[in-house]
PDB file of N, CA and C in Angstrom:
ATOM      1  N   UNK A   1      -9.565  -3.161 -22.651  1.00  0.00           N
ATOM      2  CA  UNK A   1      -9.004  -1.864 -22.928  1.00  0.00           C
ATOM      3  C   UNK A   1      -7.946  -2.010 -24.016  1.00  0.00           C
ATOM      4  N   UNK A   2      -7.756  -0.942 -24.786  1.00  0.00           N
ATOM      5  CA  UNK A   2      -6.873  -0.952 -25.951  1.00  0.00           C
ATOM      6  C   UNK A   2      -5.533  -0.271 -25.652  1.00  0.00           C
ATOM      7  N   UNK A   3      -4.514  -0.511 -26.492  1.00  0.00           N
ATOM      8  CA  UNK A   3      -3.209   0.122 -26.293  1.00  0.00           C
ATOM      9  C   UNK A   3      -3.336   1.649 -26.186  1.00  0.00           C
ATOM     10  N   UNK A   4      -2.625   2.200 -25.210  1.00  0.00           N
ATOM     11  CA  UNK A   4      -2.621   3.646 -25.018  1.00  0.00           C
ATOM     12  C   UNK A   4      -3.724   4.176 -24.129  1.00  0.00           C
ATOM     13  N   UNK A   5      -4.767   3.385 -23.889  1.00  0.00           N
ATOM     14  CA  UNK A   5      -5.818   3.842 -22.977  1.00  0.00           C
ATOM     15  C   UNK A   5      -5.271   3.864 -21.560  1.00  0.00           C
ATOM     16  N   UNK A   6      -5.818   4.777 -20.767  1.00  0.00           N
ATOM     17  CA  UNK A   6      -5.342   4.955 -19.396  1.00  0.00           C
ATOM     18  C   UNK A   6      -6.444   4.610 -18.398  1.00  0.00           C
ATOM     19  N   UNK A   7      -6.018   3.940 -17.342  1.00  0.00           N
ATOM     20  CA  UNK A   7      -6.908   3.669 -16.222  1.00  0.00           C
ATOM     21  C   UNK A   7      -6.526   4.635 -15.119  1.00  0.00           C
ATOM     22  N   UNK A   8      -7.445   5.317 -14.466  1.00  0.00           N
ATOM     23  CA  UNK A   8      -8.892   5.156 -14.586  1.00  0.00           C
ATOM     24  C   UNK A   8      -9.563   6.065 -15.609  1.00  0.00           C
ATOM     25  N   UNK A   9      -8.826   7.002 -16.227  1.00  0.00           N
ATOM     26  CA  UNK A   9      -9.430   8.001 -17.117  1.00  0.00           C
ATOM     27  C   UNK A   9     -10.321   7.391 -18.201  1.00  0.00           C
ATOM     28  N   UNK A  10      -9.859   6.362 -18.897  1.00  0.00           N
ATOM     29  CA  UNK A  10     -10.596   5.799 -20.035  1.00  0.00           C
ATOM     30  C   UNK A  10     -11.446   4.586 -19.663  1.00  0.00           C
ATOM     31  N   UNK A  11     -11.587   4.325 -18.381  1.00  0.00           N
ATOM     32  CA  UNK A  11     -12.338   3.160 -17.924  1.00  0.00           C
ATOM     33  C   UNK A  11     -13.812   3.526 -17.805  1.00  0.00           C
ATOM     34  N   UNK A  12     -14.725   2.629 -18.183  1.00  0.00           N
ATOM     35  CA  UNK A  12     -16.157   2.940 -18.070  1.00  0.00           C
ATOM     36  C   UNK A  12     -16.575   3.180 -16.616  1.00  0.00           C
ATOM     37  N   UNK A  13     -17.656   3.913 -16.434  1.00  0.00           N
ATOM     38  CA  UNK A  13     -18.203   4.115 -15.092  1.00  0.00           C
ATOM     39  C   UNK A  13     -18.701   2.782 -14.556  1.00  0.00           C
ATOM     40  N   UNK A  14     -18.155   2.383 -13.437  1.00  0.00           N
ATOM     41  CA  UNK A  14     -18.517   1.122 -12.797  1.00  0.00           C
ATOM     42  C   UNK A  14     -18.721   1.419 -11.324  1.00  0.00           C
ATOM     43  N   UNK A  15     -19.752   0.827 -10.730  1.00  0.00           N
ATOM     44  CA  UNK A  15     -19.952   1.016  -9.297  1.00  0.00           C
ATOM     45  C   UNK A  15     -20.446  -0.266  -8.661  1.00  0.00           C
ATOM     46  N   UNK A  16     -20.108  -0.407  -7.385  1.00  0.00           N
ATOM     47  CA  UNK A  16     -20.516  -1.576  -6.605  1.00  0.00           C
ATOM     48  C   UNK A  16     -20.203  -2.868  -7.354  1.00  0.00           C
ATOM     49  N   UNK A  17     -18.944  -2.996  -7.731  1.00  0.00           N
ATOM     50  CA  UNK A  17     -18.509  -4.159  -8.497  1.00  0.00           C
ATOM     51  C   UNK A  17     -17.217  -4.703  -7.916  1.00  0.00           C
ATOM     52  N   UNK A  18     -17.007  -5.986  -8.125  1.00  0.00           N
ATOM     53  CA  UNK A  18     -15.794  -6.665  -7.690  1.00  0.00           C
ATOM     54  C   UNK A  18     -15.060  -7.157  -8.941  1.00  0.00           C
ATOM     55  N   UNK A  19     -13.729  -7.124  -8.903  1.00  0.00           N
ATOM     56  CA  UNK A  19     -12.922  -7.618 -10.011  1.00  0.00           C
ATOM     57  C   UNK A  19     -12.839  -9.140  -9.902  1.00  0.00           C
ATOM     58  N   UNK A  20     -13.334  -9.821 -10.924  1.00  0.00           N
ATOM     59  CA  UNK A  20     -13.256 -11.283 -10.968  1.00  0.00           C
ATOM     60  C   UNK A  20     -11.981 -11.734 -11.661  1.00  0.00           C
ATOM     61  N   UNK A  21     -11.551 -10.963 -12.681  1.00  0.00           N
ATOM     62  CA  UNK A  21     -10.325 -11.275 -13.407  1.00  0.00           C
ATOM     63  C   UNK A  21      -9.850 -10.020 -14.124  1.00  0.00           C
ATOM     64  N   UNK A  22      -8.557  -9.870 -14.222  1.00  0.00           N
ATOM     65  CA  UNK A  22      -7.973  -8.791 -15.012  1.00  0.00           C
ATOM     66  C   UNK A  22      -6.610  -9.271 -15.481  1.00  0.00           C
ATOM     67  N   UNK A  23      -6.437  -9.323 -16.787  1.00  0.00           N
ATOM     68  CA  UNK A  23      -5.179  -9.783 -17.384  1.00  0.00           C
ATOM     69  C   UNK A  23      -4.832  -8.870 -18.541  1.00  0.00           C
ATOM     70  N   UNK A  24      -3.530  -8.692 -18.776  1.00  0.00           N
ATOM     71  CA  UNK A  24      -3.080  -7.879 -19.896  1.00  0.00           C
ATOM     72  C   UNK A  24      -1.667  -7.400 -19.661  1.00  0.00           C
ATOM     73  N   UNK A  25      -1.359  -6.254 -20.253  1.00  0.00           N
ATOM     74  CA  UNK A  25      -0.038  -5.667 -20.069  1.00  0.00           C
ATOM     75  C   UNK A  25      -0.176  -4.163 -19.930  1.00  0.00           C
ATOM     76  N   UNK A  26       0.757  -3.578 -19.185  1.00  0.00           N
ATOM     77  CA  UNK A  26       0.660  -2.160 -18.871  1.00  0.00           C
ATOM     78  C   UNK A  26       2.044  -1.534 -18.824  1.00  0.00           C
ATOM     79  N   UNK A  27       2.049  -0.219 -18.982  1.00  0.00           N
ATOM     80  CA  UNK A  27       3.246   0.584 -18.820  1.00  0.00           C
ATOM     81  C   UNK A  27       2.855   1.845 -18.068  1.00  0.00           C
ATOM     82  N   UNK A  28       3.826   2.578 -17.583  1.00  0.00           N
ATOM     83  CA  UNK A  28       3.543   3.788 -16.810  1.00  0.00           C
ATOM     84  C   UNK A  28       2.517   3.509 -15.704  1.00  0.00           C
ATOM     85  N   UNK A  29       2.857   2.580 -14.859  1.00  0.00           N
ATOM     86  CA  UNK A  29       1.981   2.147 -13.775  1.00  0.00           C
ATOM     87  C   UNK A  29       2.210   3.023 -12.542  1.00  0.00           C
ATOM     88  N   UNK A  30       1.118   3.377 -11.853  1.00  0.00           N
ATOM     89  CA  UNK A  30       1.193   4.084 -10.573  1.00  0.00           C
ATOM     90  C   UNK A  30       0.731   3.126  -9.485  1.00  0.00           C
ATOM     91  N   UNK A  31       1.597   2.937  -8.487  1.00  0.00           N
ATOM     92  CA  UNK A  31       1.276   2.034  -7.381  1.00  0.00           C
ATOM     93  C   UNK A  31       1.692   2.684  -6.068  1.00  0.00           C
ATOM     94  N   UNK A  32       1.009   2.239  -5.019  1.00  0.00           N
ATOM     95  CA  UNK A  32       1.386   2.638  -3.672  1.00  0.00           C
ATOM     96  C   UNK A  32       1.676   1.360  -2.896  1.00  0.00           C
ATOM     97  N   UNK A  33       2.746   1.394  -2.126  1.00  0.00           N
ATOM     98  CA  UNK A  33       3.175   0.241  -1.353  1.00  0.00           C
ATOM     99  C   UNK A  33       2.967   0.542   0.120  1.00  0.00           C
ATOM    100  N   UNK A  34       2.104  -0.233   0.776  1.00  0.00           N
ATOM    101  CA  UNK A  34       1.779   0.040   2.172  1.00  0.00           C
ATOM    102  C   UNK A  34       1.179   1.431   2.297  1.00  0.00           C
ATOM    103  N   UNK A  35       1.653   2.192   3.269  1.00  0.00           N
ATOM    104  CA  UNK A  35       1.118   3.544   3.425  1.00  0.00           C
ATOM    105  C   UNK A  35       2.089   4.596   2.883  1.00  0.00           C
ATOM    106  N   UNK A  36       2.986   4.176   1.989  1.00  0.00           N
ATOM    107  CA  UNK A  36       3.949   5.095   1.380  1.00  0.00           C
ATOM    108  C   UNK A  36       3.333   5.928   0.277  1.00  0.00           C
ATOM    109  N   UNK A  37       4.150   6.753  -0.363  1.00  0.00           N
ATOM    110  CA  UNK A  37       3.657   7.600  -1.449  1.00  0.00           C
ATOM    111  C   UNK A  37       3.388   6.787  -2.719  1.00  0.00           C
ATOM    112  N   UNK A  38       2.580   7.335  -3.610  1.00  0.00           N
ATOM    113  CA  UNK A  38       2.339   6.718  -4.914  1.00  0.00           C
ATOM    114  C   UNK A  38       3.626   6.848  -5.731  1.00  0.00           C
ATOM    115  N   UNK A  39       4.044   5.748  -6.336  1.00  0.00           N
ATOM    116  CA  UNK A  39       5.259   5.727  -7.159  1.00  0.00           C
ATOM    117  C   UNK A  39       4.908   5.400  -8.592  1.00  0.00           C
ATOM    118  N   UNK A  40       5.628   6.003  -9.517  1.00  0.00           N
ATOM    119  CA  UNK A  40       5.492   5.688 -10.934  1.00  0.00           C
ATOM    120  C   UNK A  40       6.491   4.619 -11.327  1.00  0.00           C
ATOM    121  N   UNK A  41       6.028   3.611 -12.050  1.00  0.00           N
ATOM    122  CA  UNK A  41       6.879   2.521 -12.518  1.00  0.00           C
ATOM    123  C   UNK A  41       6.824   2.478 -14.039  1.00  0.00           C
ATOM    124  N   UNK A  42       7.969   2.319 -14.684  1.00  0.00           N
ATOM    125  CA  UNK A  42       8.030   2.226 -16.137  1.00  0.00           C
ATOM    126  C   UNK A  42       8.068   0.771 -16.556  1.00  0.00           C
ATOM    127  N   UNK A  43       7.182   0.385 -17.470  1.00  0.00           N
ATOM    128  CA  UNK A  43       7.108  -0.981 -17.949  1.00  0.00           C
ATOM    129  C   UNK A  43       7.820  -1.135 -19.274  1.00  0.00           C
ATOM    130  N   UNK A  44       7.390  -2.103 -20.046  1.00  0.00           N
ATOM    131  CA  UNK A  44       6.105  -2.786 -19.888  1.00  0.00           C
ATOM    132  C   UNK A  44       6.141  -3.878 -18.827  1.00  0.00           C
ATOM    133  N   UNK A  45       4.935  -4.136 -18.307  1.00  0.00           N
ATOM    134  CA  UNK A  45       4.718  -5.185 -17.324  1.00  0.00           C
ATOM    135  C   UNK A  45       3.609  -6.108 -17.809  1.00  0.00           C
ATOM    136  N   UNK A  46       3.733  -7.380 -17.478  1.00  0.00           N
ATOM    137  CA  UNK A  46       2.640  -8.320 -17.644  1.00  0.00           C
ATOM    138  C   UNK A  46       1.788  -8.208 -16.385  1.00  0.00           C
ATOM    139  N   UNK A  47       0.481  -8.046 -16.550  1.00  0.00           N
ATOM    140  CA  UNK A  47      -0.413  -7.973 -15.399  1.00  0.00           C
ATOM    141  C   UNK A  47      -0.792  -9.406 -15.033  1.00  0.00           C
ATOM    142  N   UNK A  48      -0.287  -9.857 -13.893  1.00  0.00           N
ATOM    143  CA  UNK A  48      -0.545 -11.223 -13.435  1.00  0.00           C
ATOM    144  C   UNK A  48      -1.941 -11.315 -12.837  1.00  0.00           C
ATOM    145  N   UNK A  49      -2.290 -10.340 -12.003  1.00  0.00           N
ATOM    146  CA  UNK A  49      -3.624 -10.325 -11.412  1.00  0.00           C
ATOM    147  C   UNK A  49      -3.953  -8.930 -10.889  1.00  0.00           C
ATOM    148  N   UNK A  50      -5.229  -8.629 -10.876  1.00  0.00           N
ATOM    149  CA  UNK A  50      -5.771  -7.447 -10.207  1.00  0.00           C
ATOM    150  C   UNK A  50      -6.978  -7.931  -9.427  1.00  0.00           C
ATOM    151  N   UNK A  51      -7.088  -7.494  -8.184  1.00  0.00           N
ATOM    152  CA  UNK A  51      -8.319  -7.770  -7.451  1.00  0.00           C
ATOM    153  C   UNK A  51      -8.714  -6.530  -6.677  1.00  0.00           C
ATOM    154  N   UNK A  52      -9.966  -6.474  -6.302  1.00  0.00           N
ATOM    155  CA  UNK A  52     -10.456  -5.330  -5.550  1.00  0.00           C
ATOM    156  C   UNK A  52     -11.882  -4.989  -5.903  1.00  0.00           C
ATOM    157  N   UNK A  53     -12.282  -3.764  -5.515  1.00  0.00           N
ATOM    158  CA  UNK A  53     -13.668  -3.346  -5.679  1.00  0.00           C
ATOM    159  C   UNK A  53     -13.766  -1.923  -6.214  1.00  0.00           C
ATOM    160  N   UNK A  54     -14.903  -1.657  -6.860  1.00  0.00           N
ATOM    161  CA  UNK A  54     -15.282  -0.327  -7.333  1.00  0.00           C
ATOM    162  C   UNK A  54     -16.484   0.121  -6.512  1.00  0.00           C
ATOM    163  N   UNK A  55     -16.439   1.363  -6.006  1.00  0.00           N
ATOM    164  CA  UNK A  55     -17.499   1.891  -5.154  1.00  0.00           C
ATOM    165  C   UNK A  55     -18.419   2.810  -5.946  1.00  0.00           C
ATOM    166  N   UNK A  56     -19.612   3.105  -5.378  1.00  0.00           N
ATOM    167  CA  UNK A  56     -20.596   3.907  -6.111  1.00  0.00           C
ATOM    168  C   UNK A  56     -20.239   5.384  -6.177  1.00  0.00           C
ATOM    169  N   UNK A  57     -19.220   5.823  -5.450  1.00  0.00           N
ATOM    170  CA  UNK A  57     -18.799   7.226  -5.518  1.00  0.00           C
ATOM    171  C   UNK A  57     -17.704   7.448  -6.558  1.00  0.00           C
ATOM    172  N   UNK A  58     -17.401   6.423  -7.355  1.00  0.00           N
ATOM    173  CA  UNK A  58     -16.374   6.536  -8.387  1.00  0.00           C
ATOM    174  C   UNK A  58     -14.986   6.123  -7.923  1.00  0.00           C
ATOM    175  N   UNK A  59     -14.830   5.838  -6.641  1.00  0.00           N
ATOM    176  CA  UNK A  59     -13.524   5.415  -6.140  1.00  0.00           C
ATOM    177  C   UNK A  59     -13.361   3.904  -6.310  1.00  0.00           C
ATOM    178  N   UNK A  60     -12.142   3.460  -6.099  1.00  0.00           N
ATOM    179  CA  UNK A  60     -11.842   2.030  -6.213  1.00  0.00           C
ATOM    180  C   UNK A  60     -10.731   1.692  -5.240  1.00  0.00           C
ATOM    181  N   UNK A  61     -10.637   0.413  -4.884  1.00  0.00           N
ATOM    182  CA  UNK A  61      -9.550  -0.109  -4.058  1.00  0.00           C
ATOM    183  C   UNK A  61      -9.068  -1.370  -4.737  1.00  0.00           C
ATOM    184  N   UNK A  62      -7.951  -1.248  -5.458  1.00  0.00           N
ATOM    185  CA  UNK A  62      -7.428  -2.345  -6.255  1.00  0.00           C
ATOM    186  C   UNK A  62      -6.004  -2.674  -5.838  1.00  0.00           C
ATOM    187  N   UNK A  63      -5.670  -3.948  -5.881  1.00  0.00           N
ATOM    188  CA  UNK A  63      -4.302  -4.417  -5.692  1.00  0.00           C
ATOM    189  C   UNK A  63      -3.909  -5.177  -6.944  1.00  0.00           C
ATOM    190  N   UNK A  64      -2.628  -5.113  -7.291  1.00  0.00           N
ATOM    191  CA  UNK A  64      -2.163  -5.787  -8.502  1.00  0.00           C
ATOM    192  C   UNK A  64      -0.813  -6.441  -8.264  1.00  0.00           C
ATOM    193  N   UNK A  65      -0.556  -7.483  -9.051  1.00  0.00           N
ATOM    194  CA  UNK A  65       0.761  -8.093  -9.135  1.00  0.00           C
ATOM    195  C   UNK A  65       1.193  -7.981 -10.592  1.00  0.00           C
ATOM    196  N   UNK A  66       2.375  -7.433 -10.805  1.00  0.00           N
ATOM    197  CA  UNK A  66       2.929  -7.216 -12.140  1.00  0.00           C
ATOM    198  C   UNK A  66       4.242  -7.974 -12.272  1.00  0.00           C
ATOM    199  N   UNK A  67       4.578  -8.400 -13.491  1.00  0.00           N
ATOM    200  CA  UNK A  67       5.867  -9.044 -13.754  1.00  0.00           C
ATOM    201  C   UNK A  67       6.594  -8.263 -14.835  1.00  0.00           C
ATOM    202  N   UNK A  68       7.909  -8.075 -14.642  1.00  0.00           N
ATOM    203  CA  UNK A  68       8.696  -7.393 -15.666  1.00  0.00           C
ATOM    204  C   UNK A  68       9.189  -8.410 -16.694  1.00  0.00           C
ATOM    205  N   UNK A  69      10.062  -7.972 -17.606  1.00  0.00           N
ATOM    206  CA  UNK A  69      10.498  -8.854 -18.693  1.00  0.00           C
ATOM    207  C   UNK A  69      11.447  -9.959 -18.230  1.00  0.00           C
ATOM    208  N   UNK A  70      11.853  -9.961 -16.968  1.00  0.00           N
ATOM    209  CA  UNK A  70      12.665 -11.052 -16.427  1.00  0.00           C
ATOM    210  C   UNK A  70      11.835 -12.004 -15.568  1.00  0.00           C
ATOM    211  N   UNK A  71      10.547 -11.681 -15.403  1.00  0.00           N
ATOM    212  CA  UNK A  71       9.682 -12.504 -14.578  1.00  0.00           C
ATOM    213  C   UNK A  71       9.646 -12.081 -13.122  1.00  0.00           C
ATOM    214  N   UNK A  72      10.420 -11.063 -12.755  1.00  0.00           N
ATOM    215  CA  UNK A  72      10.375 -10.546 -11.387  1.00  0.00           C
ATOM    216  C   UNK A  72       9.028  -9.880 -11.164  1.00  0.00           C
ATOM    217  N   UNK A  73       8.461 -10.078  -9.987  1.00  0.00           N
ATOM    218  CA  UNK A  73       7.133  -9.529  -9.705  1.00  0.00           C
ATOM    219  C   UNK A  73       7.205  -8.435  -8.650  1.00  0.00           C
ATOM    220  N   UNK A  74       6.186  -7.583  -8.709  1.00  0.00           N
ATOM    221  CA  UNK A  74       5.996  -6.524  -7.730  1.00  0.00           C
ATOM    222  C   UNK A  74       4.496  -6.373  -7.542  1.00  0.00           C
ATOM    223  N   UNK A  75       4.080  -6.049  -6.340  1.00  0.00           N
ATOM    224  CA  UNK A  75       2.651  -5.913  -6.086  1.00  0.00           C
ATOM    225  C   UNK A  75       2.368  -4.795  -5.123  1.00  0.00           C
ATOM    226  N   UNK A  76       1.178  -4.245  -5.215  1.00  0.00           N
ATOM    227  CA  UNK A  76       0.773  -3.183  -4.317  1.00  0.00           C
ATOM    228  C   UNK A  76      -0.587  -2.631  -4.696  1.00  0.00           C
ATOM    229  N   UNK A  77      -0.899  -1.458  -4.135  1.00  0.00           N
ATOM    230  CA  UNK A  77      -2.156  -0.765  -4.434  1.00  0.00           C
ATOM    231  C   UNK A  77      -2.062  -0.168  -5.836  1.00  0.00           C
ATOM    232  N   UNK A  78      -2.946  -0.573  -6.723  1.00  0.00           N
ATOM    233  CA  UNK A  78      -2.949  -0.071  -8.100  1.00  0.00           C
ATOM    234  C   UNK A  78      -3.707   1.239  -8.162  1.00  0.00           C
ATOM    235  N   UNK A  79      -3.034   2.285  -8.613  1.00  0.00           N
ATOM    236  CA  UNK A  79      -3.649   3.611  -8.711  1.00  0.00           C
ATOM    237  C   UNK A  79      -3.942   4.015 -10.149  1.00  0.00           C
ATOM    238  N   UNK A  80      -3.161   3.507 -11.111  1.00  0.00           N
ATOM    239  CA  UNK A  80      -3.385   3.855 -12.507  1.00  0.00           C
ATOM    240  C   UNK A  80      -2.354   3.192 -13.394  1.00  0.00           C
ATOM    241  N   UNK A  81      -2.637   3.204 -14.699  1.00  0.00           N
ATOM    242  CA  UNK A  81      -1.703   2.634 -15.665  1.00  0.00           C
ATOM    243  C   UNK A  81      -2.107   3.044 -17.076  1.00  0.00           C
ATOM    244  N   UNK A  82      -1.182   2.843 -17.992  1.00  0.00           N
ATOM    245  CA  UNK A  82      -1.473   2.944 -19.418  1.00  0.00           C
ATOM    246  C   UNK A  82      -1.395   1.540 -19.992  1.00  0.00           C
ATOM    247  N   UNK A  83      -2.364   1.174 -20.826  1.00  0.00           N
ATOM    248  CA  UNK A  83      -2.392  -0.157 -21.441  1.00  0.00           C
ATOM    249  C   UNK A  83      -1.258  -0.264 -22.460  1.00  0.00           C
ATOM    250  N   UNK A  84      -0.533  -1.363 -22.407  1.00  0.00           N
ATOM    251  CA  UNK A  84       0.549  -1.613 -23.357  1.00  0.00           C
ATOM    252  C   UNK A  84       0.004  -2.313 -24.604  1.00  0.00           C
ATOM    253  N   UNK A  85      -0.513  -3.534 -24.474  1.00  0.00           N
ATOM    254  CA  UNK A  85      -1.093  -4.224 -25.630  1.00  0.00           C
ATOM    255  C   UNK A  85      -2.599  -4.417 -25.492  1.00  0.00           C
ATOM    256  N   UNK A  86      -3.030  -4.875 -24.339  1.00  0.00           N
ATOM    257  CA  UNK A  86      -4.460  -5.057 -24.076  1.00  0.00           C
ATOM    258  C   UNK A  86      -4.661  -5.203 -22.571  1.00  0.00           C
ATOM    259  N   UNK A  87      -5.892  -4.998 -22.133  1.00  0.00           N
ATOM    260  CA  UNK A  87      -6.237  -5.231 -20.728  1.00  0.00           C
ATOM    261  C   UNK A  87      -7.671  -5.749 -20.715  1.00  0.00           C
ATOM    262  N   UNK A  88      -7.843  -6.972 -20.264  1.00  0.00           N
ATOM    263  CA  UNK A  88      -9.157  -7.617 -20.238  1.00  0.00           C
ATOM    264  C   UNK A  88      -9.656  -7.691 -18.804  1.00  0.00           C
ATOM    265  N   UNK A  89     -10.807  -7.096 -18.565  1.00  0.00           N
ATOM    266  CA  UNK A  89     -11.417  -7.069 -17.231  1.00  0.00           C
ATOM    267  C   UNK A  89     -12.680  -7.932 -17.235  1.00  0.00           C
ATOM    268  N   UNK A  90     -12.892  -8.666 -16.169  1.00  0.00           N
ATOM    269  CA  UNK A  90     -14.163  -9.336 -15.906  1.00  0.00           C
ATOM    270  C   UNK A  90     -14.610  -8.824 -14.541  1.00  0.00           C
ATOM    271  N   UNK A  91     -15.768  -8.143 -14.509  1.00  0.00           N
ATOM    272  CA  UNK A  91     -16.280  -7.547 -13.280  1.00  0.00           C
ATOM    273  C   UNK A  91     -17.611  -8.172 -12.913  1.00  0.00           C
ATOM    274  N   UNK A  92     -17.865  -8.273 -11.638  1.00  0.00           N
ATOM    275  CA  UNK A  92     -19.159  -8.728 -11.147  1.00  0.00           C
ATOM    276  C   UNK A  92     -19.846  -7.570 -10.449  1.00  0.00           C
ATOM    277  N   UNK A  93     -20.915  -7.068 -11.055  1.00  0.00           N
ATOM    278  CA  UNK A  93     -21.662  -5.983 -10.422  1.00  0.00           C
ATOM    279  C   UNK A  93     -22.578  -6.573  -9.363  1.00  0.00           C
ATOM    280  N   UNK A  94     -22.668  -5.892  -8.217  1.00  0.00           N
ATOM    281  CA  UNK A  94     -23.432  -6.395  -7.089  1.00  0.00           C
ATOM    282  C   UNK A  94     -24.687  -5.566  -6.880  1.00  0.00           C
ATOM    283  N   UNK A  95     -25.724  -6.203  -6.372  1.00  0.00           N
ATOM    284  CA  UNK A  95     -26.989  -5.528  -6.074  1.00  0.00           C
ATOM    285  C   UNK A  95     -26.993  -4.954  -4.659  1.00  0.00           C
ATOM    286  N   UNK A  96     -25.821  -4.599  -4.181  1.00  0.00           N
ATOM    287  CA  UNK A  96     -25.670  -3.991  -2.862  1.00  0.00           C
ATOM    288  C   UNK A  96     -24.833  -2.734  -3.024  1.00  0.00           C
ATOM    289  N   UNK A  97     -24.824  -1.925  -1.991  1.00  0.00           N
ATOM    290  CA  UNK A  97     -24.011  -0.707  -1.992  1.00  0.00           C
ATOM    291  C   UNK A  97     -22.869  -0.910  -1.008  1.00  0.00           C
ATOM    292  N   UNK A  98     -21.639  -0.742  -1.491  1.00  0.00           N
ATOM    293  CA  UNK A  98     -20.457  -0.837  -0.646  1.00  0.00           C
ATOM    294  C   UNK A  98     -20.201   0.526  -0.028  1.00  0.00           C
ATOM    295  N   UNK A  99     -20.081   0.587   1.285  1.00  0.00           N
ATOM    296  CA  UNK A  99     -19.948   1.850   2.006  1.00  0.00           C
ATOM    297  C   UNK A  99     -18.511   2.007   2.513  1.00  0.00           C
ATOM    298  N   UNK A 100     -17.914   3.174   2.230  1.00  0.00           N
ATOM    299  CA  UNK A 100     -16.571   3.500   2.717  1.00  0.00           C
ATOM    300  C   UNK A 100     -16.642   4.746   3.582  1.00  0.00           C
ATOM    301  N   UNK A 101     -15.870   4.740   4.666  1.00  0.00           N
ATOM    302  CA  UNK A 101     -15.813   5.891   5.555  1.00  0.00           C
ATOM    303  C   UNK A 101     -14.374   6.107   5.997  1.00  0.00           C
ATOM    304  N   UNK A 102     -14.069   7.365   6.341  1.00  0.00           N
ATOM    305  CA  UNK A 102     -12.747   7.689   6.868  1.00  0.00           C
ATOM    306  C   UNK A 102     -12.484   6.888   8.131  1.00  0.00           C
ATOM    307  N   UNK A 103     -11.307   6.315   8.210  1.00  0.00           N
ATOM    308  CA  UNK A 103     -10.885   5.574   9.395  1.00  0.00           C
ATOM    309  C   UNK A 103      -9.813   6.407  10.089  1.00  0.00           C
ATOM    310  N   UNK A 104     -10.101   6.862  11.295  1.00  0.00           N
ATOM    311  CA  UNK A 104      -9.150   7.703  12.032  1.00  0.00           C
ATOM    312  C   UNK A 104      -7.834   6.982  12.291  1.00  0.00           C
ATOM    313  N   UNK A 105      -7.906   5.691  12.467  1.00  0.00           N
ATOM    314  CA  UNK A 105      -6.714   4.901  12.770  1.00  0.00           C
ATOM    315  C   UNK A 105      -5.760   4.833  11.573  1.00  0.00           C
ATOM    316  N   UNK A 106      -6.308   4.574  10.365  1.00  0.00           N
ATOM    317  CA  UNK A 106      -5.450   4.407   9.190  1.00  0.00           C
ATOM    318  C   UNK A 106      -5.275   5.697   8.393  1.00  0.00           C
ATOM    319  N   UNK A 107      -6.246   6.604   8.496  1.00  0.00           N
ATOM    320  CA  UNK A 107      -6.199   7.814   7.682  1.00  0.00           C
ATOM    321  C   UNK A 107      -6.739   7.619   6.284  1.00  0.00           C
ATOM    322  N   UNK A 108      -7.263   6.437   5.994  1.00  0.00           N
ATOM    323  CA  UNK A 108      -7.811   6.127   4.672  1.00  0.00           C
ATOM    324  C   UNK A 108      -9.301   5.857   4.772  1.00  0.00           C
ATOM    325  N   UNK A 109      -9.971   5.942   3.616  1.00  0.00           N
ATOM    326  CA  UNK A 109     -11.370   5.543   3.554  1.00  0.00           C
ATOM    327  C   UNK A 109     -11.398   4.021   3.474  1.00  0.00           C
ATOM    328  N   UNK A 110     -12.095   3.396   4.405  1.00  0.00           N
ATOM    329  CA  UNK A 110     -12.124   1.936   4.507  1.00  0.00           C
ATOM    330  C   UNK A 110     -13.540   1.412   4.288  1.00  0.00           C
ATOM    331  N   UNK A 111     -13.640   0.190   3.802  1.00  0.00           N
ATOM    332  CA  UNK A 111     -14.937  -0.476   3.661  1.00  0.00           C
ATOM    333  C   UNK A 111     -15.507  -0.708   5.046  1.00  0.00           C
ATOM    334  N   UNK A 112     -16.690  -0.140   5.287  1.00  0.00           N
ATOM    335  CA  UNK A 112     -17.300  -0.254   6.619  1.00  0.00           C
ATOM    336  C   UNK A 112     -18.632  -0.993   6.608  1.00  0.00           C
ATOM    337  N   UNK A 113     -19.192  -1.226   5.436  1.00  0.00           N
ATOM    338  CA  UNK A 113     -20.466  -1.926   5.408  1.00  0.00           C
ATOM    339  C   UNK A 113     -20.969  -2.174   4.008  1.00  0.00           C
ATOM    340  N   UNK A 114     -22.011  -2.966   3.966  1.00  0.00           N
ATOM    341  CA  UNK A 114     -22.700  -3.305   2.728  1.00  0.00           C
ATOM    342  C   UNK A 114     -24.173  -3.057   2.947  1.00  0.00           C
ATOM    343  N   UNK A 115     -24.773  -2.219   2.104  1.00  0.00           N
ATOM    344  CA  UNK A 115     -26.202  -1.907   2.219  1.00  0.00           C
ATOM    345  C   UNK A 115     -26.982  -2.575   1.102  1.00  0.00           C
TER     346      UNK A 115
END
């Protein structure tokens, strides 16, 4: 991804894929910590790692670790970001369908199976 592009808006359509690697830098990051509200963070940040999955309904479940300009890190559920300099993704598309369903216990859509 190029500077100024936004995730997920400018990201290609991907489904049933796992993140193998993601490195780059970002600003205006949206993250959720635990079951709290989504928070906006101002960067720039170095993206240390992103992992997670993309589902066939267009949703995703990603976690990220970011470092600020002092090397302090923060991590949580990645909801969105704007690319600062670049963002390089390596994805593995799977020949299976990842199934998510509402979980009454958590209140979130959770991975419940693989078809």
